[in-house]
Amino acid sequence: MQRRCGWLAEGRAAPVKVVWARGPVMTEACPRTEITAASQAWLEMFAVWKRLGGGDLWTLAAKDAEALAVLEEEWEKERQNVEQRRRNARE
C-alpha cells in the first residue's frame, strides 16, 4: 500500500484515501512531509514549555507565541477527545 508520501512519483501515487486520522483531524497525504524544521522546533519548544508549567507568552517572539497558542489549543482538544473516548468506553 502506498501512502502518498512526498517521495513517490506522481504517476505511481495511489488514489486519494485517508492515510491518517485522529478525532476530527484527517489527512490524505503522509503527514511526515508536512513537518518542517521550524515546526519541529515549535513542537520541541512546546514540550519544554508544557513541562515547565507553561508561562507568559508575551515574553516570546510573536511567531513563537502563536505557535505555542495553537499547539496548546490542539493539545486541549486532544485531551478532551481522549476523555470522551474513555467515558464512551465505560458506558
Foldseek 3Di string as FASTA:
>chain_A
DDQQEPVDDPVPDDPFDWPDDDDPDTDRHDCVNVDDPVLVVLVVVLVVCVVVPHDDLVVDDPVSSVSNVVVVVVVVVNVVVVVVVVVVVVD
